[in-house]
Structure formats: structure tokens, C-alpha cells
Protein backbone atom coordinates (compact mmCIF):
# COMPACT_ATOMS: atom_id res chain seq x y z
CA MET A 1 0.00 0.00 0.00
CA ILE A 2 1.34 3.44 -0.94
CA VAL A 3 0.66 6.31 1.47
CA ARG A 4 1.46 9.89 0.53
CA ILE A 5 2.04 12.55 3.16
CA SER A 6 1.28 15.72 1.23
CA GLY A 7 4.30 17.92 0.80
CA GLU A 8 6.64 15.21 2.05
CA GLY A 9 6.56 12.14 -0.16
CA GLN A 10 5.31 8.59 -0.49
CA TYR A 11 5.85 5.57 1.74
CA GLU A 12 5.23 1.92 0.94
CA LEU A 13 3.62 0.05 3.80
CA ALA A 14 3.00 -3.67 4.06
CA ASP A 15 -0.60 -4.76 3.64
CA ASP A 16 -0.39 -6.02 7.23
CA ASP A 17 -0.01 -2.40 8.38
CA LYS A 18 -3.42 -1.37 7.04
CA ASP A 19 -5.29 -2.21 10.27
CA ARG A 20 -2.88 -0.19 12.43
CA LEU A 21 -2.98 2.70 9.96
CA ASN A 22 -6.78 2.61 10.00
CA THR A 23 -6.87 2.55 13.82
CA LEU A 24 -4.60 5.59 14.02
CA GLU A 25 -6.59 7.44 11.38
CA ASN A 26 -9.86 6.65 13.17
CA ALA A 27 -8.36 8.13 16.34
CA VAL A 28 -7.68 11.36 14.44
CA VAL A 29 -11.26 11.37 13.11
CA SER A 30 -12.57 10.88 16.65
CA VAL A 31 -10.45 13.73 18.03
CA VAL A 32 -11.54 16.08 15.24
CA GLU A 33 -15.23 15.18 15.38
CA SER A 34 -15.35 15.55 19.17
CA GLY A 35 -13.59 18.93 19.08
CA GLN A 36 -10.57 17.81 21.12
CA GLU A 37 -8.17 20.37 19.65
CA ALA A 38 -5.64 19.86 22.46
CA SER A 39 -5.24 16.19 21.47
CA PHE A 40 -5.05 16.74 17.73
CA GLU A 41 -1.33 17.41 17.35
CA ASP A 42 -0.30 14.26 19.25
CA THR A 43 -2.89 12.03 17.58
CA PHE A 44 -2.17 13.26 14.05
CA GLY A 45 1.57 13.14 14.78
CA ALA A 46 1.26 9.48 15.81
CA LEU A 47 -0.40 8.70 12.48
CA LEU A 48 2.33 10.42 10.48
CA ASP A 49 5.09 8.88 12.61
CA PHE A 50 3.67 5.41 12.01
CA VAL A 51 3.71 5.95 8.25
CA ARG A 52 7.29 7.24 8.37
CA ASP A 53 8.53 4.49 10.70
CA ALA A 54 6.69 1.48 9.26
CA GLY A 55 6.92 2.54 5.63
CA ALA A 56 9.76 2.44 3.16
CA ARG A 57 10.24 5.80 1.45
CA VAL A 58 9.42 5.65 -2.26
CA GLY A 59 12.08 7.38 -4.33
CA ASP A 60 11.19 10.74 -5.83
CA ASP A 61 12.06 9.36 -9.26
CA GLU A 62 9.49 6.52 -8.93
CA LEU A 63 5.95 7.22 -10.06
CA GLU A 64 3.49 5.30 -7.89
CA GLY A 65 -0.23 5.91 -7.44
CA SER A 66 -1.12 6.62 -3.83
CA ASP A 67 -3.71 4.44 -2.10
CA VAL A 68 -4.03 6.99 0.71
CA ILE A 69 -3.16 10.68 0.77
CA LEU A 70 -2.67 12.25 4.18
CA PRO A 71 -2.62 16.00 4.77
CA PRO A 72 0.74 17.69 5.41
CA ALA A 73 2.36 17.59 8.84
CA ASP A 74 1.57 21.26 9.45
CA THR A 75 -2.20 20.76 9.06
CA THR A 76 -4.12 22.74 11.66
CA PHE A 77 -7.03 21.46 13.70
CA ALA A 78 -9.39 23.67 11.71
CA GLU A 79 -8.05 22.32 8.41
CA ALA A 80 -8.32 18.77 9.69
CA GLY A 81 -12.03 19.30 10.23
CA ALA A 82 -12.50 19.25 6.46
CA GLU A 83 -10.28 16.17 5.93
CA PHE A 84 -10.92 13.80 8.85
CA THR A 85 -14.67 13.21 8.99
CA GLY A 86 -17.06 10.28 8.81
CA GLU A 87 -15.36 7.34 7.17
CA GLY A 88 -11.98 9.12 7.18
CA LEU A 89 -9.34 9.01 4.48
CA ILE A 90 -8.45 5.32 4.41
CA PRO A 91 -10.66 3.12 2.21
CA ASP A 92 -11.82 -0.19 3.65
């Protein structure tokens, strides 16, 4: 599975990582939907850190379609409100 962090690059994650990725993304959706702005930075950071740590960086010269596109690391809580809602960003 290819995950893009906007403005940063793409990472290839094993298919086995999809459940953990989905759990972390659902946590971000929950924080955003419940208005927990104070928890957003840590929760969103954990999602991005997982992608960076578990994934293998895809070279800039390789063209791969992204299965998931995450907002950039500097996304604000207000901006996240438009991205992380309902079903979230990760397809089932």
C-alpha cells in the first residue's frame, strides 16, 4: 500500500499495516469530530510517525499511485475538520 504525506513524499507500507494505519486514522477522526483540539497534534503526529517508521520511502524518481493521501504535517485542527470526517481518508 502506498501512502502519501502531502508535501513530504510517499511511503510503501506492508498490507499487514493497514489495520494499524486505519486505527490511528480513526483516532484522528474521533479527536476532530469531538472537538478535542488539544489532542489533535499528538494524535495526528502518531499517524504520520507510524507511516514514516513502518513505511519504506518511495524514491522521488518513482511514479506510484497513492492508495491513501494524508494531509501535510503542518495541518491545523481547523483544516483537519475538512479532511478527517465520517469514514476518514483510508478506504476499507
